[in-house]
């Protein structure tokens, strides 16, 4: 499987995660569309948070730590909120849409 963004094919693993991170917003738009997600400002908050965590730590947080991190800028967020944004699993689907490799674990 690959995603094509601006005429460039981006290689993925067998589950659709990028092999190499690509944090261009256009990449997220293409992946989100493939996942059936229409990106809202709330999606972009989570995407930017995950990209920053990946850049700072070399990996993305697990679901528990993701929820804590999102609560810092969106105090009303709970697991239901994140599942509303990323219904097949926030920690994994949000990473995929953010243009990041498959999370650890």
Protein backbone atom coordinates (compact mmCIF):
# COMPACT_ATOMS: atom_id res chain seq x y z
CA UNK A 1 0.00 0.00 0.00
CA UNK A 2 1.14 3.52 -0.70
CA UNK A 3 -0.25 7.03 -0.41
CA UNK A 4 0.31 9.50 -3.21
CA UNK A 5 0.77 13.11 -2.14
CA UNK A 6 1.61 15.80 -4.68
CA UNK A 7 2.68 13.12 -7.16
CA UNK A 8 5.04 11.42 -4.69
CA UNK A 9 4.36 7.87 -3.50
CA UNK A 10 4.90 7.34 0.21
CA UNK A 11 5.71 3.79 1.26
CA UNK A 12 3.71 2.15 4.04
CA UNK A 13 3.81 -1.04 6.04
CA UNK A 14 1.13 -3.71 5.64
CA UNK A 15 -1.21 -1.81 8.01
CA UNK A 16 -0.96 1.51 6.20
CA UNK A 17 1.48 3.33 8.47
CA UNK A 18 4.22 5.34 6.81
CA UNK A 19 7.61 3.64 6.90
CA UNK A 20 9.27 7.04 7.35
CA UNK A 21 7.55 9.90 9.14
CA UNK A 22 6.23 12.70 6.97
CA UNK A 23 4.59 15.51 8.89
CA UNK A 24 3.43 17.62 5.96
CA UNK A 25 -0.18 18.64 6.43
CA UNK A 26 -1.03 17.41 2.93
CA UNK A 27 0.05 13.91 3.96
CA UNK A 28 -2.36 13.97 6.90
CA UNK A 29 -5.17 15.11 4.65
CA UNK A 30 -4.62 12.21 2.23
CA UNK A 31 -4.32 9.60 4.99
CA UNK A 32 -7.36 10.98 6.83
CA UNK A 33 -9.42 10.77 3.65
CA UNK A 34 -8.32 7.15 3.18
CA UNK A 35 -9.40 6.48 6.78
CA UNK A 36 -12.79 8.15 6.21
CA UNK A 37 -12.01 11.08 8.49
CA UNK A 38 -12.74 14.72 7.73
CA UNK A 39 -10.17 16.72 9.64
CA UNK A 40 -11.43 19.40 12.02
CA UNK A 41 -9.48 21.84 14.21
CA UNK A 42 -9.81 19.30 17.04
CA UNK A 43 -8.15 16.61 14.90
CA UNK A 44 -5.32 19.02 14.07
CA UNK A 45 -4.71 19.69 17.79
CA UNK A 46 -4.15 15.99 18.40
CA UNK A 47 -2.09 15.57 15.23
CA UNK A 48 0.22 18.44 16.17
CA UNK A 49 0.57 17.11 19.71
CA UNK A 50 1.58 13.66 18.41
CA UNK A 51 4.03 15.12 15.92
CA UNK A 52 5.68 17.14 18.69
CA UNK A 53 5.89 14.09 20.96
CA UNK A 54 7.43 12.07 18.12
CA UNK A 55 9.95 14.80 17.36
CA UNK A 56 10.92 15.21 21.02
CA UNK A 57 10.95 11.55 22.06
CA UNK A 58 11.43 9.50 18.89
CA UNK A 59 8.10 7.74 19.44
CA UNK A 60 4.49 8.53 20.20
CA UNK A 61 2.85 8.10 23.60
CA UNK A 62 0.68 5.16 24.57
CA UNK A 63 -3.04 5.85 24.97
CA UNK A 64 -2.86 6.73 28.67
CA UNK A 65 -0.05 9.23 28.18
CA UNK A 66 -1.72 10.57 25.04
CA UNK A 67 -4.87 11.29 27.03
CA UNK A 68 -2.85 13.07 29.73
CA UNK A 69 -1.03 15.13 27.10
CA UNK A 70 -4.21 16.09 25.27
CA UNK A 71 -5.77 17.09 28.60
CA UNK A 72 -3.10 19.76 28.96
CA UNK A 73 -4.56 21.79 26.08
CA UNK A 74 -8.09 20.34 25.99
CA UNK A 75 -9.09 19.73 29.66
CA UNK A 76 -12.52 18.32 28.78
CA UNK A 77 -10.99 15.55 26.65
CA UNK A 78 -11.60 12.01 27.80
CA UNK A 79 -11.29 8.67 26.05
CA UNK A 80 -14.75 9.09 24.47
CA UNK A 81 -13.65 12.42 22.98
CA UNK A 82 -10.54 10.84 21.41
CA UNK A 83 -12.53 7.88 20.07
CA UNK A 84 -14.98 10.33 18.50
CA UNK A 85 -12.08 11.88 16.59
CA UNK A 86 -10.25 8.64 15.78
CA UNK A 87 -12.83 5.82 16.01
CA UNK A 88 -10.63 2.82 15.26
CA UNK A 89 -8.29 3.63 18.14
CA UNK A 90 -6.89 7.07 18.98
CA UNK A 91 -3.32 6.07 19.79
CA UNK A 92 -2.90 4.15 16.53
CA UNK A 93 -5.22 5.85 14.05
CA UNK A 94 -4.16 9.34 15.12
CA UNK A 95 -0.50 8.39 14.59
CA UNK A 96 -1.29 7.07 11.15
CA UNK A 97 -3.16 10.25 10.21
CA UNK A 98 -0.35 12.38 11.67
CA UNK A 99 2.02 10.80 9.14
CA UNK A 100 4.03 8.91 11.75
CA UNK A 101 5.29 5.32 11.76
CA UNK A 102 3.33 2.63 13.60
CA UNK A 103 3.46 3.18 17.38
CA UNK A 104 5.42 0.87 19.63
CA UNK A 105 3.60 -1.92 21.40
